[in-house]
Each structure stands twice: as structure tokens, then as C-alpha cells.
Amino acid sequence: MSVENIINIYNLSTPAERRHGVTWYRVALTECERLAVQFDLPVNIVAGVVSALSPNNKWERNIENAHVLIDAYLDGEDINSVKVSTYNAMKNKAWQILDAKLLGNCHDDVVSDYHITYKLNGQKIVSFFECIMGYDTCCIDGHAKGIFEGQRFGLTSPKNYISKKYYKELQEAYVEAGKRCTFQKRHLKAFEIQAITWLTWKRIHDI
């Protein structure tokens, strides 16, 4: 278990994997910015909606669901008129993020990232939101854990359990690994090296 394990996988990455990993969240932010302009909303609210709708949802459907939900909300429709490809609890979170008044302490409809993460209230979706918004952090899943530990378990294995404390430890390891690796003459953010190593890990293990 070490930062070196993350760096070793990074060193096995191809140029294409590095480019893809570095640009993934940049592209995600661009998609959120497009919806923000279309609906005249702050980009962090859109990113919050997208993050809330992300569990068990493919990216293309995730963006489509966010578009439909935002459109319905702004048209004054009922939440039950909207179908999404994730859990109803996640749809409720997305709807509440759009309703700035529910977040409290908001002035002139300006909603802070803190209030959005408070409403998201889940390790992975909070991390996803923060990655889209450019924070130096990353999403941790079984693959990210396996990369850090230097061994692979099936994603349904109980050995893939990640406690809140260990989740933070893993995030810190990816932050440190990013500081020790470079791409195009700059150090990487945690979400960039996590995305790159995730792609490399999948290739190595034919996942």
C-alpha cells in the first residue's frame, strides 16, 4: 500500500491514456458550462445536479437526465414528471439543489459549493462534484483502492469496502502522487492521475 503503487501504474500509462485522463473532467465541466449558459444558471448548480444524478448512470445519460430535470424544474413542472436513470433519492437531491432556498444562507440565488456538497451528502457524489469543479481531489472506487494497494479484487468483494477514514487517506495518496508526476511539464491534480491510472488499470487487467 503506497503512493509509489499509484505512480508505478501511472508510469505504465500510454500517451493516449494520459491525454484522456487529463481531459475527462475538463470535458465534463464544459458540458456543465453549456447547460449553465442554456438555462442561465450558475455552473456549480448544474455540476451539483449532474453529480446528484450520477450514481449507476452512464455519462451520456447523466447529462441528458440533468438537461431534462433542469428544464422541468424551470418550467414549473412536478418532480414526478421527470424520469431519470438513477435512484429517486438522487433525483430528489438534484431537485433540491436547483431550489436555492432549500440550501439556506443563500443571497441573490448565489449558492456556494459548500451548500451544494452539503445537500449532496455522499462521499462519491461530493467527490465527483469537486472534481468537475477543479478541486485537487478524486473519486475513490474499488479500482482506485486496488491501484493504491497493488492488488485487484472483484468489485463485489467485501475486501473492496472503503471506510470514510480510508477514503480520505486514499484521496490524500492520489494528491501526493499527482504532485510527484508530470504531464506536459506540469504536476497533475489528484483527479487527473486517478483518471489516468484507472484507464491504465482497466487495460492491464482487461476489465
Protein backbone atom coordinates (compact mmCIF):
# COMPACT_ATOMS: atom_id res chain seq x y z
CA MET A 1 0.00 0.00 0.00
CA SER A 2 1.73 3.15 -1.12
CA VAL A 3 1.79 6.26 -3.24
CA GLU A 4 4.53 4.50 -5.20
CA ASN A 5 1.98 1.94 -6.41
CA ILE A 6 -0.09 4.75 -7.94
CA ILE A 7 3.00 6.24 -9.56
CA ASN A 8 4.06 2.84 -10.92
CA ILE A 9 0.70 2.43 -12.68
CA TYR A 10 0.94 5.98 -13.98
CA ASN A 11 4.35 5.15 -15.45
CA LEU A 12 2.73 2.26 -17.34
CA SER A 13 0.10 4.54 -18.91
CA THR A 14 0.11 5.23 -22.63
CA PRO A 15 0.16 8.76 -24.11
CA ALA A 16 -3.48 8.27 -25.13
CA GLU A 17 -4.47 7.26 -21.59
CA ARG A 18 -2.73 10.32 -20.19
CA ARG A 19 -4.47 12.66 -22.62
CA HIS A 20 -7.84 11.05 -21.97
CA GLY A 21 -7.40 11.07 -18.20
CA VAL A 22 -6.28 14.68 -18.09
CA THR A 23 -9.17 15.91 -20.23
CA TRP A 24 -12.06 13.84 -18.84
CA TYR A 25 -13.16 16.22 -16.10
CA ARG A 26 -12.32 19.22 -18.26
CA VAL A 27 -14.83 17.92 -20.80
CA ALA A 28 -17.33 17.26 -18.00
CA LEU A 29 -17.01 20.87 -16.83
CA THR A 30 -17.51 22.08 -20.40
CA GLU A 31 -20.76 20.09 -20.59
CA CYS A 32 -21.93 21.66 -17.32
CA GLU A 33 -20.97 25.12 -18.59
CA ARG A 34 -23.01 24.51 -21.76
CA LEU A 35 -26.11 23.66 -19.70
CA ALA A 36 -25.43 26.60 -17.38
CA VAL A 37 -25.46 29.01 -20.32
CA GLN A 38 -28.51 27.36 -21.86
CA PHE A 39 -30.55 27.61 -18.66
CA ASP A 40 -28.92 30.78 -17.24
CA LEU A 41 -27.78 29.02 -14.08
CA PRO A 42 -24.50 29.09 -12.13
CA VAL A 43 -22.22 26.30 -13.32
CA ASN A 44 -21.79 24.92 -9.79
CA ILE A 45 -25.55 24.31 -9.51
CA VAL A 46 -25.51 22.44 -12.82
CA ALA A 47 -22.48 20.42 -11.70
CA GLY A 48 -24.34 19.64 -8.47
CA VAL A 49 -27.36 18.39 -10.39
CA VAL A 50 -25.15 16.29 -12.66
CA SER A 51 -23.31 14.84 -9.65
CA ALA A 52 -26.54 14.01 -7.83
CA LEU A 53 -27.78 12.11 -10.88
CA SER A 54 -24.50 10.25 -11.47
CA PRO A 55 -24.80 7.03 -9.40
CA ASN A 56 -25.16 3.97 -11.65
CA ASN A 57 -25.68 6.30 -14.60
CA LYS A 58 -23.69 6.39 -17.83
CA TRP A 59 -22.19 9.79 -18.55
CA GLU A 60 -24.23 10.48 -21.70
CA ARG A 61 -27.48 9.64 -19.89
CA ASN A 62 -26.28 11.59 -16.85
CA ILE A 63 -26.07 14.79 -18.92
CA GLU A 64 -29.39 14.06 -20.67
CA ASN A 65 -31.09 13.47 -17.31
CA ALA A 66 -29.69 16.74 -15.96
CA HIS A 67 -30.97 18.61 -19.03
CA VAL A 68 -34.48 17.16 -18.69
CA LEU A 69 -34.65 17.71 -14.93
CA ILE A 70 -33.45 21.32 -15.10
CA ASP A 71 -35.86 22.07 -17.94
CA ALA A 72 -38.78 20.60 -15.99
CA TYR A 73 -37.84 22.47 -12.81
CA LEU A 74 -37.57 25.82 -14.56
CA ASP A 75 -40.88 25.21 -16.38
CA GLY A 76 -42.59 24.71 -13.02
CA GLU A 77 -43.34 21.04 -13.58
CA ASP A 78 -43.67 18.48 -10.81
CA ILE A 79 -40.66 16.37 -9.90
CA ASN A 80 -42.67 13.21 -10.58
CA SER A 81 -42.99 14.23 -14.23
CA VAL A 82 -39.27 13.56 -14.71
CA LYS A 83 -37.72 10.13 -15.23
CA VAL A 84 -34.01 9.62 -14.62
CA SER A 85 -31.64 6.66 -14.87
CA THR A 86 -30.66 6.68 -11.20
CA TYR A 87 -32.34 6.38 -7.82
CA ASN A 88 -35.29 8.57 -6.82
CA ALA A 89 -33.34 9.74 -3.77
CA MET A 90 -30.69 11.12 -6.13
CA LYS A 91 -33.36 12.82 -8.24
CA ASN A 92 -34.68 14.47 -5.08
CA LYS A 93 -31.20 15.75 -4.24
CA ALA A 94 -30.80 17.20 -7.73
CA TRP A 95 -34.20 18.91 -7.47
CA GLN A 96 -33.34 20.41 -4.10
CA ILE A 97 -30.02 21.73 -5.39
CA LEU A 98 -31.98 23.64 -8.04
CA ASP A 99 -34.12 25.13 -5.30
CA ALA A 100 -31.60 27.54 -3.78
CA LYS A 101 -33.98 28.42 -0.95
CA LEU A 102 -33.74 24.88 0.42
CA LEU A 103 -29.98 25.25 0.82
CA GLY A 104 -30.25 28.18 3.23
CA ASN A 105 -27.93 31.15 3.71
CA CYS A 106 -28.16 31.99 0.02
CA HIS A 107 -28.33 35.56 -1.21
CA ASP A 108 -29.38 36.66 -4.69
CA ASP A 109 -29.60 32.99 -5.72
CA VAL A 110 -25.84 32.58 -5.24
CA VAL A 111 -25.24 29.09 -3.89
CA SER A 112 -21.82 28.21 -2.52
CA ASP A 113 -20.05 24.96 -3.33
CA TYR A 114 -20.26 24.18 0.39
CA HIS A 115 -24.07 24.24 0.35
CA ILE A 116 -24.15 22.05 -2.74
CA THR A 117 -21.85 19.45 -1.19
CA TYR A 118 -23.92 19.62 1.99
CA LYS A 119 -27.03 18.78 0.00
CA LEU A 120 -25.26 16.05 -1.99
CA ASN A 121 -24.14 14.43 1.27
CA GLY A 122 -22.38 11.37 -0.13
CA GLN A 123 -18.66 10.59 -0.42
CA LYS A 124 -18.56 9.68 -4.09
CA ILE A 125 -21.01 12.26 -5.42
CA VAL A 126 -19.38 15.02 -3.39
CA SER A 127 -16.00 13.96 -4.78
CA PHE A 128 -17.44 13.84 -8.30
CA PHE A 129 -18.78 17.39 -7.92
CA GLU A 130 -15.46 18.66 -6.57
CA CYS A 131 -13.54 17.00 -9.43
CA ILE A 132 -15.79 18.63 -12.03
CA MET A 133 -15.25 21.98 -10.30
CA GLY A 134 -11.47 21.52 -10.40
CA TYR A 135 -10.65 20.83 -6.75
CA ASP A 136 -7.47 18.84 -6.12
CA THR A 137 -9.25 15.67 -5.05
CA CYS A 138 -10.56 12.50 -6.66
CA CYS A 139 -13.28 9.86 -6.65
CA ILE A 140 -12.31 6.61 -4.97
CA ASP A 141 -13.72 3.27 -6.10
CA GLY A 142 -12.55 -0.34 -5.96
CA HIS A 143 -10.15 0.21 -8.85
CA ALA A 144 -8.55 3.26 -7.20
CA LYS A 145 -8.19 1.26 -3.98
CA GLY A 146 -6.67 -1.68 -5.87
CA ILE A 147 -4.15 0.60 -7.58
CA PHE A 148 -3.05 2.02 -4.23
CA GLU A 149 -2.82 -1.42 -2.61
CA GLY A 150 -1.17 -3.03 -5.62
CA GLN A 151 -3.70 -5.85 -5.93
CA ARG A 152 -7.02 -6.41 -7.62
CA PHE A 153 -10.19 -7.78 -6.11
CA GLY A 154 -13.56 -8.23 -7.79
CA LEU A 155 -15.67 -5.13 -7.29
CA THR A 156 -18.26 -7.14 -5.37
CA SER A 157 -15.63 -8.49 -2.95
CA PRO A 158 -16.02 -7.44 0.70
CA LYS A 159 -12.30 -6.57 0.54
CA ASN A 160 -13.30 -3.55 -1.54
CA TYR A 161 -15.08 -1.94 1.41
CA ILE A 162 -13.76 1.59 1.96
CA SER A 163 -14.41 3.34 5.26
CA LYS A 164 -14.74 7.13 5.41
CA LYS A 165 -11.34 7.39 7.07
CA TYR A 166 -9.69 5.17 4.46
CA TYR A 167 -11.47 7.04 1.64
CA LYS A 168 -9.78 10.28 2.79
CA GLU A 169 -6.44 8.51 3.13
CA LEU A 170 -6.71 7.24 -0.43
CA GLN A 171 -7.62 10.71 -1.71
CA GLU A 172 -4.57 12.15 0.03
CA ALA A 173 -2.39 9.47 -1.57
CA TYR A 174 -3.61 10.47 -5.04
CA VAL A 175 -2.98 14.15 -4.25
CA GLU A 176 0.59 13.28 -3.28
CA ALA A 177 1.07 11.07 -6.36
CA GLY A 178 -0.14 13.91 -8.57
CA LYS A 179 2.45 16.24 -7.06
CA ARG A 180 5.16 13.71 -7.93
CA CYS A 181 4.10 13.12 -11.55
CA THR A 182 4.06 15.48 -14.51
CA PHE A 183 2.25 15.71 -17.82
CA GLN A 184 3.11 18.37 -20.38
CA LYS A 185 5.53 19.97 -17.91
CA ARG A 186 3.07 20.41 -15.06
CA HIS A 187 2.10 18.43 -12.00
CA LEU A 188 -1.18 16.58 -12.01
CA LYS A 189 -4.22 17.12 -9.87
CA ALA A 190 -5.48 14.12 -7.93
CA PHE A 191 -8.50 13.62 -10.20
CA GLU A 192 -6.25 13.62 -13.28
CA ILE A 193 -3.84 10.95 -12.05
CA GLN A 194 -6.76 8.91 -10.71
CA ALA A 195 -8.45 9.01 -14.13
CA ILE A 196 -5.24 8.10 -15.94
CA THR A 197 -4.37 5.21 -13.64
CA TRP A 198 -7.99 3.97 -13.75
CA LEU A 199 -7.76 3.71 -17.55
CA THR A 200 -4.35 2.01 -17.33
CA TRP A 201 -5.52 -0.41 -14.63
CA LYS A 202 -8.52 -1.42 -16.74
CA ARG A 203 -6.27 -2.09 -19.72
CA ILE A 204 -3.72 -4.07 -17.72
CA HIS A 205 -6.42 -6.28 -16.17
CA ASP A 206 -8.62 -6.41 -19.27
CA ILE A 207 -11.60 -5.04 -17.36
